[in-house]
Amino acid sequence: MNLVQRVQDILLKPKETWPQIASEPGDATSLYKDYLIYLALVPAVAGFIGLTLFGVGGFGFSFRMPIGWGLANMVVSFVMSLVAVFLLSLIANALAPNFGGTKDAMMALKLVAYGSTAGFVGGVFSLVPQLAILGLLASLYSIYLIFTGVPVLMKCPEEKAMPYTAVLIVCGIVAMIILGAFSAMFTGGATRGMMMGGSSGAPDVSINTPGGSVSINTAKLEEMAKKMEDAGKRMESAQSSGDSAAAGKAAAEVMGAMMGGGGVPFASQDLKSWLPEKLGGLTREGFEVQSGAAMGIAGSTAHATYTAGEQQIRLTITDVGGLGGLMSIAAWANVTVDKESNGQVEKVYKQGQRTIREEYRKDGSQAEYTVVLGNGLIVELQADQSSIDKVKQAMAGIDLGKMEGAQRPPKT
């Protein structure tokens, strides 16, 4: 099964695709290994990037999840997504006779797995937390997908497909609440269109939003899918031989393959060396560096605070080294924004290979300036009692070229 082609077919022509899915041989293991594991990673990893790199909030309040917590949340979210699909398939199978359908556990699993495609793909919006609500709206299309699949896979009369789908979705919401509460034990805590097309090679998937567009490079996706398939085979071989250490390493490779092998992140001490003693005429009064890794994914951050009187600038350098692959698949850095409201301005634009984000108040009370470098490093300045021009001048005092030209540590 071609992963990219299946995603396109189920999203763009579900009525023609469901009969094909119904006739395909296969079991639950192959469905998870060949399809669900890839799709479930999209919202999990996108959420990790959004919460740890961008954070949520605005002027006066912001929250960025520490990398360690973010990794834990990502892994739990990924696992819970896979569990949720299986749980909802059990509900779909149990409900079938009540609506004139036929019980078939495998068909029920196919219905939920492929019907959830829109919701999983919509998870890419979590890359920018402010757009996460659009992911929920994208999930509404999954309801339609399930509705069109019920008569084909569960043999439900078409006139009963709508109530069957409605009851299934309600049960699914209840199940998600329960799973959400369960996952909290471990972690603590409207699209305008969806299009697929392209001019060369494998087509791209573009999701248009009111503030810009997010695209998925399907050629990269296919490349990573192959790497994950190879790692999955090694994991199965290791499990068969009883080598738990090799199986664990292969499992990490599966997760790492989704990141595209973007490279080993710089050590937190390397990031620390890029924190200047003075910035924009302000003196550094404190710093913090941290790093974390889980399931084959690693990252590091460095924070520093500079003050002079009432002025304060906060510098954050984040390395998403191991996440470079996902950044190339889901080109979140291509989102463009230009808006103004109530004296607050926000802009996102390209500057060569770099992506720039500005957000500031015209009265000069607060300003944020972020540069996403081509090698995955993200440099962000947040300032109080400072204009955006002064923050830009401060950014000019940071040697971004040196960061871009730095050699990453070798893979071990």
Foldseek 3Di string as FASTA:
>chain_A
DQAVVLLCCLLPPLLVCLLVVQPDDDDPVCCCLQYVLLLLLQLLVLLLLQQAPVFDDDPPDTHHDHNALSVQSSVLSSVLVVVLLLVLLVVLQVCLVVQVWHRDSRLSSVLSRSLQNQLSVLSNLSNHVVRNVQSVQSSVSSLVSSLSNCCNRGVGPNVSSVVSSVVSVVVSVVVVVVSVVVSCVRNVDHWPDWDWADDDDHIKIWTHDPQFIKIFDVVLVSVLSVQLSVLVVQLVVCVVVVNVVSNLVSQLSNVLSSLVCLADEADQVVVVVLDDQDFLNFGWDDKDKDKDDDSNFIKIKIWIWTDDVPKIKIKMKIARRSNNSVCNRTVPLRRFGFDDDPQWTWTWDDDPLKIWIKIDGNVAQKIKIWIQHNSGMIMIMIMGSGHPVSVVRRVVVGPVVCVNPDDGDHDD
